[in-house]
Amino acid sequence: MATPAKDKGRSGGDRATPKALPNFRRRIAQRTRAAIERAAVWGFVPVTLARRLVRRIGGGDA
C-alpha cells in the first residue's frame, strides 16, 4: 500500500501549522475571558477579581 508523498503538511506529523497556533491561542483566551465574565455576572467571582484576571489574559477592555 503506497502512501502519498506529501501527507504531513508544512510542519510535519500531526502538529498544527505555525499559522494555526496563534488563532488557537486567541480562541482559548476568548473562551476563558467569557467564562470568567459569566462567573462574575452570576456572583461566583468578585467583579474586581474578574477584571484583573481578564486584563492579565489579554482583554484590556473589561
N, C-alpha and C. Protein backbone atom coordinates (compact mmCIF):
# COMPACT_ATOMS: atom_id res chain seq x y z
N MET A 1 0.84 -1.16 0.00
CA MET A 1 0.00 0.00 0.00
C MET A 1 0.89 1.24 0.00
N ALA A 2 0.74 2.04 -1.01
CA ALA A 2 1.58 3.23 -1.16
C ALA A 2 0.92 4.42 -0.47
N THR A 3 1.75 5.22 0.18
CA THR A 3 1.23 6.43 0.82
C THR A 3 1.57 7.63 -0.06
N PRO A 4 0.77 8.66 -0.01
CA PRO A 4 1.09 9.85 -0.81
C PRO A 4 2.41 10.46 -0.37
N ALA A 5 3.07 11.12 -1.28
CA ALA A 5 4.38 11.69 -1.00
C ALA A 5 4.29 12.84 0.00
N LYS A 6 3.21 13.61 -0.07
CA LYS A 6 3.11 14.78 0.79
C LYS A 6 1.88 14.64 1.69
N ASP A 7 2.02 13.90 2.77
CA ASP A 7 0.87 13.69 3.65
C ASP A 7 1.06 14.28 5.04
N LYS A 8 2.12 15.04 5.26
CA LYS A 8 2.39 15.54 6.59
C LYS A 8 2.10 17.03 6.78
N GLY A 9 1.91 17.78 5.77
CA GLY A 9 1.70 19.21 5.94
C GLY A 9 3.02 19.95 6.08
N ARG A 10 2.93 21.24 6.36
CA ARG A 10 4.14 22.06 6.41
C ARG A 10 5.02 21.73 7.59
N SER A 11 4.44 21.48 8.75
CA SER A 11 5.26 21.30 9.94
C SER A 11 5.53 19.83 10.25
N GLY A 12 4.96 18.94 9.50
CA GLY A 12 5.23 17.52 9.69
C GLY A 12 4.40 16.90 10.79
N GLY A 13 4.19 15.62 10.68
CA GLY A 13 3.46 14.90 11.72
C GLY A 13 2.03 15.39 11.86
N ASP A 14 1.54 15.35 13.08
CA ASP A 14 0.17 15.79 13.34
C ASP A 14 0.13 17.11 14.08
N ARG A 15 1.23 17.83 14.10
CA ARG A 15 1.26 19.13 14.78
C ARG A 15 0.52 20.17 13.96
N ALA A 16 0.06 21.21 14.62
CA ALA A 16 -0.61 22.30 13.93
C ALA A 16 0.41 23.11 13.15
N THR A 17 -0.04 23.72 12.08
CA THR A 17 0.85 24.57 11.30
C THR A 17 1.12 25.86 12.09
N PRO A 18 2.21 26.54 11.81
CA PRO A 18 2.54 27.74 12.58
C PRO A 18 1.45 28.81 12.53
N LYS A 19 0.74 28.94 11.42
CA LYS A 19 -0.30 29.96 11.34
C LYS A 19 -1.51 29.61 12.19
N ALA A 20 -1.75 28.35 12.44
CA ALA A 20 -2.93 27.93 13.19
C ALA A 20 -2.75 28.15 14.69
N LEU A 21 -1.53 28.14 15.20
CA LEU A 21 -1.32 28.25 16.63
C LEU A 21 -1.78 29.58 17.23
N PRO A 22 -1.46 30.74 16.66
CA PRO A 22 -1.95 31.99 17.26
C PRO A 22 -3.48 32.07 17.28
N ASN A 23 -4.13 31.56 16.23
CA ASN A 23 -5.58 31.59 16.20
C ASN A 23 -6.15 30.71 17.31
N PHE A 24 -5.55 29.56 17.54
CA PHE A 24 -5.99 28.66 18.59
C PHE A 24 -5.83 29.32 19.95
N ARG A 25 -4.69 29.96 20.18
CA ARG A 25 -4.46 30.63 21.47
C ARG A 25 -5.45 31.76 21.69
N ARG A 26 -5.75 32.50 20.63
CA ARG A 26 -6.71 33.60 20.75
C ARG A 26 -8.10 33.07 21.08
N ARG A 27 -8.49 31.96 20.46
CA ARG A 27 -9.80 31.37 20.76
C ARG A 27 -9.88 30.90 22.20
N ILE A 28 -8.81 30.28 22.68
CA ILE A 28 -8.79 29.82 24.07
C ILE A 28 -8.89 31.01 25.02
N ALA A 29 -8.17 32.09 24.73
CA ALA A 29 -8.22 33.28 25.57
C ALA A 29 -9.62 33.88 25.58
N GLN A 30 -10.27 33.92 24.42
CA GLN A 30 -11.63 34.46 24.34
C GLN A 30 -12.60 33.63 25.17
N ARG A 31 -12.48 32.32 25.07
CA ARG A 31 -13.38 31.45 25.84
C ARG A 31 -13.13 31.57 27.33
N THR A 32 -11.87 31.71 27.71
CA THR A 32 -11.54 31.85 29.12
C THR A 32 -12.08 33.17 29.66
N ARG A 33 -11.91 34.24 28.89
CA ARG A 33 -12.46 35.54 29.31
C ARG A 33 -13.96 35.46 29.47
N ALA A 34 -14.64 34.83 28.54
CA ALA A 34 -16.10 34.71 28.61
C ALA A 34 -16.52 33.93 29.85
N ALA A 35 -15.80 32.87 30.17
CA ALA A 35 -16.13 32.07 31.34
C ALA A 35 -15.94 32.88 32.63
N ILE A 36 -14.87 33.65 32.69
CA ILE A 36 -14.61 34.48 33.88
C ILE A 36 -15.70 35.54 34.02
N GLU A 37 -16.08 36.16 32.90
CA GLU A 37 -17.12 37.19 32.95
C GLU A 37 -18.47 36.61 33.36
N ARG A 38 -18.78 35.41 32.84
CA ARG A 38 -20.03 34.75 33.25
C ARG A 38 -20.02 34.45 34.74
N ALA A 39 -18.89 33.98 35.25
CA ALA A 39 -18.78 33.67 36.68
C ALA A 39 -18.98 34.93 37.51
N ALA A 40 -18.48 36.06 37.03
CA ALA A 40 -18.65 37.32 37.76
C ALA A 40 -20.10 37.77 37.73
N VAL A 41 -20.76 37.61 36.59
CA VAL A 41 -22.16 38.02 36.47
C VAL A 41 -23.03 37.18 37.41
N TRP A 42 -22.74 35.90 37.51
CA TRP A 42 -23.53 35.01 38.36
C TRP A 42 -23.13 35.10 39.83
N GLY A 43 -22.08 35.85 40.13
CA GLY A 43 -21.70 36.07 41.52
C GLY A 43 -20.73 35.04 42.09
N PHE A 44 -20.17 34.20 41.26
CA PHE A 44 -19.22 33.20 41.74
C PHE A 44 -17.83 33.80 41.97
N VAL A 45 -17.52 34.88 41.27
CA VAL A 45 -16.21 35.53 41.37
C VAL A 45 -16.47 37.03 41.57
N PRO A 46 -15.77 37.67 42.49
CA PRO A 46 -15.93 39.12 42.64
C PRO A 46 -15.56 39.85 41.35
N VAL A 47 -16.28 40.91 41.05
CA VAL A 47 -16.07 41.64 39.80
C VAL A 47 -14.66 42.20 39.70
N THR A 48 -14.13 42.70 40.79
CA THR A 48 -12.78 43.27 40.72
C THR A 48 -11.74 42.20 40.38
N LEU A 49 -11.91 41.01 40.96
CA LEU A 49 -11.00 39.92 40.64
C LEU A 49 -11.16 39.49 39.18
N ALA A 50 -12.40 39.45 38.71
CA ALA A 50 -12.65 39.08 37.31
C ALA A 50 -11.98 40.08 36.36
N ARG A 51 -12.08 41.36 36.68
CA ARG A 51 -11.44 42.38 35.82
C ARG A 51 -9.93 42.17 35.77
N ARG A 52 -9.33 41.90 36.94
CA ARG A 52 -7.88 41.68 36.96
C ARG A 52 -7.49 40.45 36.15
N LEU A 53 -8.25 39.38 36.29
CA LEU A 53 -7.94 38.16 35.54
C LEU A 53 -8.07 38.38 34.04
N VAL A 54 -9.12 39.05 33.62
CA VAL A 54 -9.33 39.29 32.19
C VAL A 54 -8.21 40.17 31.63
N ARG A 55 -7.80 41.18 32.38
CA ARG A 55 -6.70 42.02 31.91
C ARG A 55 -5.42 41.23 31.79
N ARG A 56 -5.18 40.32 32.73
CA ARG A 56 -3.96 39.51 32.70
C ARG A 56 -3.95 38.57 31.50
N ILE A 57 -5.13 38.06 31.15
CA ILE A 57 -5.23 37.17 30.00
C ILE A 57 -4.98 37.94 28.71
N GLY A 58 -5.37 39.21 28.68
CA GLY A 58 -5.12 39.99 27.49
C GLY A 58 -6.33 40.74 26.99
N GLY A 59 -7.35 40.85 27.80
CA GLY A 59 -8.53 41.60 27.39
C GLY A 59 -8.63 42.87 28.18
N GLY A 60 -7.95 43.90 27.76
CA GLY A 60 -7.93 45.16 28.50
C GLY A 60 -9.22 45.94 28.45
N ASP A 61 -10.21 45.49 27.67
CA ASP A 61 -11.44 46.24 27.53
C ASP A 61 -12.48 45.89 28.58
N ALA A 62 -12.14 45.08 29.55
CA ALA A 62 -13.13 44.69 30.57
C ALA A 62 -13.10 45.66 31.74
